[in-house]
Amino acid sequence: MDKIDVRRVSKDGQQMLRRQVIAARREGVTYSEIQSRYGVQPGTACAWWRRYQAEGEAVFGQDRRGRPSGFDAGKKVKGRKRNLIVDTL
């Protein structure tokens, strides 16, 4: 199977793929075999497996994607920084 970019797969597809990889690891399938079956890089499969071992089923419910939002310390507001004044000067 060709290598796939997991970041380009939908959230549901990522969850399904992650569950399949975890199930395969539980059965003792090697990372190279997981790569040939599912097209997931061994490093990615290893990271998923380690997180599963540390956090359990909670790994499947996480929707983290992209960079964390910033923090504007001046206004103490979470989200995009407010640079309106700086940008207009």
C-alpha atoms as a PDB file:
ATOM      1  CA  MET A   1       0.000   0.000   0.000  1.00  0.00           C
ATOM      2  CA  ASP A   2       1.193   3.531  -0.718  1.00  0.00           C
ATOM      3  CA  LYS A   3       2.151   5.841   2.105  1.00  0.00           C
ATOM      4  CA  ILE A   4      -0.627   8.226   3.079  1.00  0.00           C
ATOM      5  CA  ASP A   5      -0.538  11.630   4.714  1.00  0.00           C
ATOM      6  CA  VAL A   6      -2.729  11.067   7.762  1.00  0.00           C
ATOM      7  CA  ARG A   7      -3.138  14.838   8.205  1.00  0.00           C
ATOM      8  CA  ARG A   8      -5.122  14.971   4.950  1.00  0.00           C
ATOM      9  CA  VAL A   9      -7.641  12.335   6.078  1.00  0.00           C
ATOM     10  CA  SER A  10     -10.941  13.459   7.653  1.00  0.00           C
ATOM     11  CA  LYS A  11     -11.298  13.319  11.443  1.00  0.00           C
ATOM     12  CA  ASP A  12     -13.519  10.242  11.211  1.00  0.00           C
ATOM     13  CA  GLY A  13     -11.045   8.584   8.877  1.00  0.00           C
ATOM     14  CA  GLN A  14      -8.186   9.367  11.254  1.00  0.00           C
ATOM     15  CA  GLN A  15     -10.063   7.858  14.180  1.00  0.00           C
ATOM     16  CA  MET A  16     -10.871   4.713  12.199  1.00  0.00           C
ATOM     17  CA  LEU A  17      -7.279   4.352  11.000  1.00  0.00           C
ATOM     18  CA  ARG A  18      -5.936   4.933  14.515  1.00  0.00           C
ATOM     19  CA  ARG A  19      -8.266   2.248  15.910  1.00  0.00           C
ATOM     20  CA  GLN A  20      -7.162  -0.221  13.223  1.00  0.00           C
ATOM     21  CA  VAL A  21      -3.471   0.425  13.913  1.00  0.00           C
ATOM     22  CA  ILE A  22      -3.956   0.064  17.693  1.00  0.00           C
ATOM     23  CA  ALA A  23      -5.897  -3.182  17.189  1.00  0.00           C
ATOM     24  CA  ALA A  24      -3.123  -4.510  14.963  1.00  0.00           C
ATOM     25  CA  ARG A  25      -0.468  -3.640  17.579  1.00  0.00           C
ATOM     26  CA  ARG A  26      -2.518  -5.406  20.266  1.00  0.00           C
ATOM     27  CA  GLU A  27      -2.392  -8.512  18.060  1.00  0.00           C
ATOM     28  CA  GLY A  28       1.402  -8.208  17.873  1.00  0.00           C
ATOM     29  CA  VAL A  29       1.708  -6.924  14.305  1.00  0.00           C
ATOM     30  CA  THR A  30       5.052  -5.207  13.651  1.00  0.00           C
ATOM     31  CA  TYR A  31       5.354  -1.571  12.601  1.00  0.00           C
ATOM     32  CA  SER A  32       6.684  -2.512   9.162  1.00  0.00           C
ATOM     33  CA  GLU A  33       3.664  -4.768   8.615  1.00  0.00           C
ATOM     34  CA  ILE A  34       1.358  -1.946   9.747  1.00  0.00           C
ATOM     35  CA  GLN A  35       3.031   0.296   7.178  1.00  0.00           C
ATOM     36  CA  SER A  36       2.402  -2.203   4.391  1.00  0.00           C
ATOM     37  CA  ARG A  37      -1.216  -2.863   5.483  1.00  0.00           C
ATOM     38  CA  TYR A  38      -2.421   0.649   6.274  1.00  0.00           C
ATOM     39  CA  GLY A  39       0.176   2.963   4.704  1.00  0.00           C
ATOM     40  CA  VAL A  40       0.969   4.619   8.046  1.00  0.00           C
ATOM     41  CA  GLN A  41       4.586   5.521   8.779  1.00  0.00           C
ATOM     42  CA  PRO A  42       6.160   3.387  11.541  1.00  0.00           C
ATOM     43  CA  GLY A  43       6.983   6.508  13.564  1.00  0.00           C
ATOM     44  CA  THR A  44       3.352   7.630  13.469  1.00  0.00           C
ATOM     45  CA  ALA A  45       2.100   4.162  14.419  1.00  0.00           C
ATOM     46  CA  CYS A  46       4.616   4.038  17.261  1.00  0.00           C
ATOM     47  CA  ALA A  47       3.496   7.440  18.556  1.00  0.00           C
ATOM     48  CA  TRP A  48      -0.150   6.349  18.459  1.00  0.00           C
ATOM     49  CA  TRP A  49       0.703   3.122  20.289  1.00  0.00           C
ATOM     50  CA  ARG A  50       2.681   4.932  23.003  1.00  0.00           C
ATOM     51  CA  ARG A  51      -0.119   7.446  23.548  1.00  0.00           C
ATOM     52  CA  TYR A  52      -2.624   4.576  23.714  1.00  0.00           C
ATOM     53  CA  GLN A  53      -0.494   2.807  26.314  1.00  0.00           C
ATOM     54  CA  ALA A  54      -0.207   5.992  28.376  1.00  0.00           C
ATOM     55  CA  GLU A  55      -3.763   7.348  28.038  1.00  0.00           C
ATOM     56  CA  GLY A  56      -5.893   4.361  27.037  1.00  0.00           C
ATOM     57  CA  GLU A  57      -9.175   4.841  25.170  1.00  0.00           C
ATOM     58  CA  ALA A  58      -9.062   8.616  25.764  1.00  0.00           C
ATOM     59  CA  VAL A  59      -6.713   8.847  22.766  1.00  0.00           C
ATOM     60  CA  PHE A  60      -9.595   8.153  20.400  1.00  0.00           C
ATOM     61  CA  GLY A  61     -11.725  11.070  21.594  1.00  0.00           C
ATOM     62  CA  GLN A  62      -9.189  13.850  21.064  1.00  0.00           C
ATOM     63  CA  ASP A  63      -9.723  16.356  18.293  1.00  0.00           C
ATOM     64  CA  ARG A  64      -6.428  18.239  18.544  1.00  0.00           C
ATOM     65  CA  ARG A  65      -5.377  19.630  15.181  1.00  0.00           C
ATOM     66  CA  GLY A  66      -3.068  22.439  14.155  1.00  0.00           C
ATOM     67  CA  ARG A  67      -1.231  24.949  16.260  1.00  0.00           C
ATOM     68  CA  PRO A  68      -2.552  25.915  19.670  1.00  0.00           C
ATOM     69  CA  SER A  69      -4.165  29.338  19.748  1.00  0.00           C
ATOM     70  CA  GLY A  70      -2.050  32.211  21.031  1.00  0.00           C
ATOM     71  CA  PHE A  71      -2.411  34.214  24.198  1.00  0.00           C
ATOM     72  CA  ASP A  72      -2.446  38.019  24.199  1.00  0.00           C
ATOM     73  CA  ALA A  73      -0.808  38.787  27.540  1.00  0.00           C
ATOM     74  CA  GLY A  74      -1.655  42.490  27.357  1.00  0.00           C
ATOM     75  CA  LYS A  75      -5.394  41.886  27.165  1.00  0.00           C
ATOM     76  CA  LYS A  76      -5.300  38.439  28.741  1.00  0.00           C
ATOM     77  CA  VAL A  77      -7.499  37.142  25.933  1.00  0.00           C
ATOM     78  CA  LYS A  78      -7.075  33.724  24.414  1.00  0.00           C
ATOM     79  CA  GLY A  79      -7.127  33.593  20.624  1.00  0.00           C
ATOM     80  CA  ARG A  80      -5.581  35.720  17.904  1.00  0.00           C
ATOM     81  CA  LYS A  81      -3.339  38.512  19.021  1.00  0.00           C
ATOM     82  CA  ARG A  82      -4.796  41.945  18.633  1.00  0.00           C
ATOM     83  CA  ASN A  83      -2.367  43.893  16.450  1.00  0.00           C
ATOM     84  CA  LEU A  84      -4.774  46.445  15.027  1.00  0.00           C
ATOM     85  CA  ILE A  85      -2.956  49.467  16.406  1.00  0.00           C
ATOM     86  CA  VAL A  86       0.478  48.205  15.399  1.00  0.00           C
ATOM     87  CA  ASP A  87      -0.671  47.277  11.896  1.00  0.00           C
ATOM     88  CA  THR A  88      -2.339  50.623  11.196  1.00  0.00           C
ATOM     89  CA  LEU A  89       0.577  52.829  12.319  1.00  0.00           C
END
